[in-house]
Amino acid sequence: MDKKAQKKIDVLRHRLTKLRQQLAGAKTQMDDVEEVRRLEQDIASAEAEVEKLKAS
């Protein structure tokens, strides 16, 4: 894995941490159901991208 891919993975991991915190807050407040769904989709896509980068 090159430095560029490693940096991208680090950025994605930081983003995942932030998204998971937002999701936890959104689930406790449940003002907007769409927000929870969107956050879950963002987390899934970021995790998939990390896996793709690890595989290459």
PDB file of N, CA and C in Angstrom:
ATOM      1  N   MET A   1       0.857  -1.176   0.000  1.00  0.00           N
ATOM      2  CA  MET A   1       0.000   0.000   0.000  1.00  0.00           C
ATOM      3  C   MET A   1       0.903   1.240   0.000  1.00  0.00           C
ATOM      4  N   ASP A   2       0.623   2.158  -0.885  1.00  0.00           N
ATOM      5  CA  ASP A   2       1.440   3.363  -0.965  1.00  0.00           C
ATOM      6  C   ASP A   2       0.985   4.416   0.043  1.00  0.00           C
ATOM      7  N   LYS A   3       1.763   5.466   0.145  1.00  0.00           N
ATOM      8  CA  LYS A   3       1.481   6.519   1.129  1.00  0.00           C
ATOM      9  C   LYS A   3       0.158   7.221   0.853  1.00  0.00           C
ATOM     10  N   LYS A   4      -0.157   7.401  -0.410  1.00  0.00           N
ATOM     11  CA  LYS A   4      -1.397   8.089  -0.766  1.00  0.00           C
ATOM     12  C   LYS A   4      -2.613   7.287  -0.299  1.00  0.00           C
ATOM     13  N   ALA A   5      -2.581   5.991  -0.518  1.00  0.00           N
ATOM     14  CA  ALA A   5      -3.694   5.135  -0.094  1.00  0.00           C
ATOM     15  C   ALA A   5      -3.783   5.105   1.427  1.00  0.00           C
ATOM     16  N   GLN A   6      -2.642   5.053   2.095  1.00  0.00           N
ATOM     17  CA  GLN A   6      -2.640   5.037   3.550  1.00  0.00           C
ATOM     18  C   GLN A   6      -3.218   6.326   4.117  1.00  0.00           C
ATOM     19  N   LYS A   7      -2.870   7.446   3.518  1.00  0.00           N
ATOM     20  CA  LYS A   7      -3.404   8.740   3.961  1.00  0.00           C
ATOM     21  C   LYS A   7      -4.920   8.786   3.747  1.00  0.00           C
ATOM     22  N   LYS A   8      -5.379   8.280   2.611  1.00  0.00           N
ATOM     23  CA  LYS A   8      -6.812   8.250   2.315  1.00  0.00           C
ATOM     24  C   LYS A   8      -7.549   7.382   3.339  1.00  0.00           C
ATOM     25  N   ILE A   9      -6.961   6.248   3.717  1.00  0.00           N
ATOM     26  CA  ILE A   9      -7.566   5.377   4.721  1.00  0.00           C
ATOM     27  C   ILE A   9      -7.643   6.098   6.062  1.00  0.00           C
ATOM     28  N   ASP A  10      -6.587   6.812   6.431  1.00  0.00           N
ATOM     29  CA  ASP A  10      -6.590   7.564   7.694  1.00  0.00           C
ATOM     30  C   ASP A  10      -7.691   8.612   7.704  1.00  0.00           C
ATOM     31  N   VAL A  11      -7.850   9.318   6.598  1.00  0.00           N
ATOM     32  CA  VAL A  11      -8.894  10.340   6.491  1.00  0.00           C
ATOM     33  C   VAL A  11     -10.278   9.691   6.591  1.00  0.00           C
ATOM     34  N   LEU A  12     -10.454   8.559   5.925  1.00  0.00           N
ATOM     35  CA  LEU A  12     -11.743   7.859   5.962  1.00  0.00           C
ATOM     36  C   LEU A  12     -12.059   7.343   7.363  1.00  0.00           C
ATOM     37  N   ARG A  13     -11.049   6.862   8.070  1.00  0.00           N
ATOM     38  CA  ARG A  13     -11.273   6.388   9.442  1.00  0.00           C
ATOM     39  C   ARG A  13     -11.703   7.533  10.350  1.00  0.00           C
ATOM     40  N   HIS A  14     -11.087   8.684  10.169  1.00  0.00           N
ATOM     41  CA  HIS A  14     -11.471   9.862  10.954  1.00  0.00           C
ATOM     42  C   HIS A  14     -12.914  10.256  10.622  1.00  0.00           C
ATOM     43  N   ARG A  15     -13.248  10.207   9.350  1.00  0.00           N
ATOM     44  CA  ARG A  15     -14.606  10.541   8.913  1.00  0.00           C
ATOM     45  C   ARG A  15     -15.620   9.540   9.471  1.00  0.00           C
ATOM     46  N   LEU A  16     -15.239   8.256   9.495  1.00  0.00           N
ATOM     47  CA  LEU A  16     -16.119   7.231  10.041  1.00  0.00           C
ATOM     48  C   LEU A  16     -16.395   7.467  11.521  1.00  0.00           C
ATOM     49  N   THR A  17     -15.373   7.856  12.257  1.00  0.00           N
ATOM     50  CA  THR A  17     -15.555   8.140  13.678  1.00  0.00           C
ATOM     51  C   THR A  17     -16.558   9.266  13.868  1.00  0.00           C
ATOM     52  N   LYS A  18     -16.402  10.306  13.079  1.00  0.00           N
ATOM     53  CA  LYS A  18     -17.297  11.458  13.159  1.00  0.00           C
ATOM     54  C   LYS A  18     -18.729  11.072  12.757  1.00  0.00           C
ATOM     55  N   LEU A  19     -18.862  10.289  11.701  1.00  0.00           N
ATOM     56  CA  LEU A  19     -20.177   9.865  11.232  1.00  0.00           C
ATOM     57  C   LEU A  19     -20.877   8.980  12.264  1.00  0.00           C
ATOM     58  N   ARG A  20     -20.115   8.097  12.907  1.00  0.00           N
ATOM     59  CA  ARG A  20     -20.712   7.222  13.925  1.00  0.00           C
ATOM     60  C   ARG A  20     -21.213   8.023  15.118  1.00  0.00           C
ATOM     61  N   GLN A  21     -20.478   9.068  15.484  1.00  0.00           N
ATOM     62  CA  GLN A  21     -20.926   9.933  16.579  1.00  0.00           C
ATOM     63  C   GLN A  21     -22.205  10.669  16.190  1.00  0.00           C
ATOM     64  N   GLN A  22     -22.255  11.151  14.958  1.00  0.00           N
ATOM     65  CA  GLN A  22     -23.451  11.845  14.478  1.00  0.00           C
ATOM     66  C   GLN A  22     -24.640  10.886  14.438  1.00  0.00           C
ATOM     67  N   LEU A  23     -24.393   9.647  14.021  1.00  0.00           N
ATOM     68  CA  LEU A  23     -25.460   8.650  13.951  1.00  0.00           C
ATOM     69  C   LEU A  23     -26.007   8.347  15.343  1.00  0.00           C
ATOM     70  N   ALA A  24     -25.128   8.215  16.312  1.00  0.00           N
ATOM     71  CA  ALA A  24     -25.574   7.949  17.683  1.00  0.00           C
ATOM     72  C   ALA A  24     -26.447   9.096  18.180  1.00  0.00           C
ATOM     73  N   GLY A  25     -26.050  10.319  17.903  1.00  0.00           N
ATOM     74  CA  GLY A  25     -26.848  11.472  18.305  1.00  0.00           C
ATOM     75  C   GLY A  25     -28.171  11.534  17.575  1.00  0.00           C
ATOM     76  N   ALA A  26     -28.147  11.214  16.294  1.00  0.00           N
ATOM     77  CA  ALA A  26     -29.375  11.255  15.504  1.00  0.00           C
ATOM     78  C   ALA A  26     -30.356  10.178  15.958  1.00  0.00           C
ATOM     79  N   LYS A  27     -29.842   9.028  16.370  1.00  0.00           N
ATOM     80  CA  LYS A  27     -30.726   7.962  16.838  1.00  0.00           C
ATOM     81  C   LYS A  27     -31.369   8.317  18.168  1.00  0.00           C
ATOM     82  N   THR A  28     -30.659   9.037  19.017  1.00  0.00           N
ATOM     83  CA  THR A  28     -31.254   9.403  20.305  1.00  0.00           C
ATOM     84  C   THR A  28     -32.280  10.508  20.137  1.00  0.00           C
ATOM     85  N   GLN A  29     -32.080  11.380  19.158  1.00  0.00           N
ATOM     86  CA  GLN A  29     -32.998  12.500  18.987  1.00  0.00           C
ATOM     87  C   GLN A  29     -34.149  12.184  18.028  1.00  0.00           C
ATOM     88  N   MET A  30     -33.898  11.419  16.995  1.00  0.00           N
ATOM     89  CA  MET A  30     -34.892  10.967  16.022  1.00  0.00           C
ATOM     90  C   MET A  30     -35.840  12.066  15.519  1.00  0.00           C
ATOM     91  N   ASP A  31     -35.320  13.254  15.296  1.00  0.00           N
ATOM     92  CA  ASP A  31     -36.120  14.319  14.697  1.00  0.00           C
ATOM     93  C   ASP A  31     -36.376  14.036  13.221  1.00  0.00           C
ATOM     94  N   ASP A  32     -35.331  13.538  12.552  1.00  0.00           N
ATOM     95  CA  ASP A  32     -35.405  13.319  11.114  1.00  0.00           C
ATOM     96  C   ASP A  32     -34.960  11.892  10.810  1.00  0.00           C
ATOM     97  N   VAL A  33     -35.879  11.058  10.380  1.00  0.00           N
ATOM     98  CA  VAL A  33     -35.562   9.666  10.078  1.00  0.00           C
ATOM     99  C   VAL A  33     -34.637   9.579   8.857  1.00  0.00           C
ATOM    100  N   GLU A  34     -34.808  10.483   7.932  1.00  0.00           N
ATOM    101  CA  GLU A  34     -33.961  10.497   6.736  1.00  0.00           C
ATOM    102  C   GLU A  34     -32.493  10.731   7.092  1.00  0.00           C
ATOM    103  N   GLU A  35     -32.246  11.521   8.118  1.00  0.00           N
ATOM    104  CA  GLU A  35     -30.862  11.786   8.529  1.00  0.00           C
ATOM    105  C   GLU A  35     -30.192  10.498   8.993  1.00  0.00           C
ATOM    106  N   VAL A  36     -30.903   9.688   9.746  1.00  0.00           N
ATOM    107  CA  VAL A  36     -30.355   8.412  10.214  1.00  0.00           C
ATOM    108  C   VAL A  36     -30.035   7.523   9.022  1.00  0.00           C
ATOM    109  N   ARG A  37     -30.945   7.442   8.089  1.00  0.00           N
ATOM    110  CA  ARG A  37     -30.748   6.622   6.886  1.00  0.00           C
ATOM    111  C   ARG A  37     -29.558   7.121   6.072  1.00  0.00           C
ATOM    112  N   ARG A  38     -29.444   8.443   5.929  1.00  0.00           N
ATOM    113  CA  ARG A  38     -28.333   9.017   5.165  1.00  0.00           C
ATOM    114  C   ARG A  38     -26.994   8.749   5.844  1.00  0.00           C
ATOM    115  N   LEU A  39     -26.957   8.894   7.154  1.00  0.00           N
ATOM    116  CA  LEU A  39     -25.722   8.643   7.891  1.00  0.00           C
ATOM    117  C   LEU A  39     -25.299   7.184   7.781  1.00  0.00           C
ATOM    118  N   GLU A  40     -26.266   6.273   7.851  1.00  0.00           N
ATOM    119  CA  GLU A  40     -25.956   4.855   7.709  1.00  0.00           C
ATOM    120  C   GLU A  40     -25.402   4.546   6.324  1.00  0.00           C
ATOM    121  N   GLN A  41     -25.947   5.189   5.303  1.00  0.00           N
ATOM    122  CA  GLN A  41     -25.445   4.989   3.941  1.00  0.00           C
ATOM    123  C   GLN A  41     -24.040   5.565   3.792  1.00  0.00           C
ATOM    124  N   ASP A  42     -23.791   6.729   4.385  1.00  0.00           N
ATOM    125  CA  ASP A  42     -22.453   7.331   4.330  1.00  0.00           C
ATOM    126  C   ASP A  42     -21.422   6.439   5.012  1.00  0.00           C
ATOM    127  N   ILE A  43     -21.797   5.857   6.141  1.00  0.00           N
ATOM    128  CA  ILE A  43     -20.893   4.965   6.863  1.00  0.00           C
ATOM    129  C   ILE A  43     -20.592   3.725   6.026  1.00  0.00           C
ATOM    130  N   ALA A  44     -21.613   3.164   5.431  1.00  0.00           N
ATOM    131  CA  ALA A  44     -21.425   1.969   4.607  1.00  0.00           C
ATOM    132  C   ALA A  44     -20.523   2.246   3.408  1.00  0.00           C
ATOM    133  N   SER A  45     -20.708   3.379   2.765  1.00  0.00           N
ATOM    134  CA  SER A  45     -19.877   3.698   1.599  1.00  0.00           C
ATOM    135  C   SER A  45     -18.435   3.975   2.005  1.00  0.00           C
ATOM    136  N   ALA A  46     -18.230   4.628   3.133  1.00  0.00           N
ATOM    137  CA  ALA A  46     -16.870   4.895   3.603  1.00  0.00           C
ATOM    138  C   ALA A  46     -16.169   3.598   3.985  1.00  0.00           C
ATOM    139  N   GLU A  47     -16.882   2.684   4.644  1.00  0.00           N
ATOM    140  CA  GLU A  47     -16.300   1.393   5.000  1.00  0.00           C
ATOM    141  C   GLU A  47     -15.946   0.590   3.761  1.00  0.00           C
ATOM    142  N   ALA A  48     -16.799   0.641   2.752  1.00  0.00           N
ATOM    143  CA  ALA A  48     -16.526  -0.070   1.505  1.00  0.00           C
ATOM    144  C   ALA A  48     -15.289   0.500   0.814  1.00  0.00           C
ATOM    145  N   GLU A  49     -15.137   1.810   0.855  1.00  0.00           N
ATOM    146  CA  GLU A  49     -13.979   2.433   0.227  1.00  0.00           C
ATOM    147  C   GLU A  49     -12.686   2.060   0.959  1.00  0.00           C
ATOM    148  N   VAL A  50     -12.746   1.989   2.284  1.00  0.00           N
ATOM    149  CA  VAL A  50     -11.571   1.565   3.061  1.00  0.00           C
ATOM    150  C   VAL A  50     -11.178   0.140   2.672  1.00  0.00           C
ATOM    151  N   GLU A  51     -12.156  -0.741   2.582  1.00  0.00           N
ATOM    152  CA  GLU A  51     -11.882  -2.123   2.204  1.00  0.00           C
ATOM    153  C   GLU A  51     -11.293  -2.213   0.798  1.00  0.00           C
ATOM    154  N   LYS A  52     -11.812  -1.394  -0.105  1.00  0.00           N
ATOM    155  CA  LYS A  52     -11.301  -1.387  -1.480  1.00  0.00           C
ATOM    156  C   LYS A  52      -9.846  -0.916  -1.506  1.00  0.00           C
ATOM    157  N   LEU A  53      -9.534   0.096  -0.718  1.00  0.00           N
ATOM    158  CA  LEU A  53      -8.166   0.592  -0.664  1.00  0.00           C
ATOM    159  C   LEU A  53      -7.224  -0.420  -0.026  1.00  0.00           C
ATOM    160  N   LYS A  54      -7.688  -1.132   0.978  1.00  0.00           N
ATOM    161  CA  LYS A  54      -6.852  -2.154   1.615  1.00  0.00           C
ATOM    162  C   LYS A  54      -6.562  -3.300   0.656  1.00  0.00           C
ATOM    163  N   ALA A  55      -7.530  -3.621  -0.190  1.00  0.00           N
ATOM    164  CA  ALA A  55      -7.368  -4.735  -1.121  1.00  0.00           C
ATOM    165  C   ALA A  55      -6.388  -4.417  -2.254  1.00  0.00           C
ATOM    166  N   SER A  56      -6.246  -3.152  -2.576  1.00  0.00           N
ATOM    167  CA  SER A  56      -5.368  -2.806  -3.707  1.00  0.00           C
ATOM    168  C   SER A  56      -3.943  -2.552  -3.301  1.00  0.00           C
TER     169      SER A  56
END
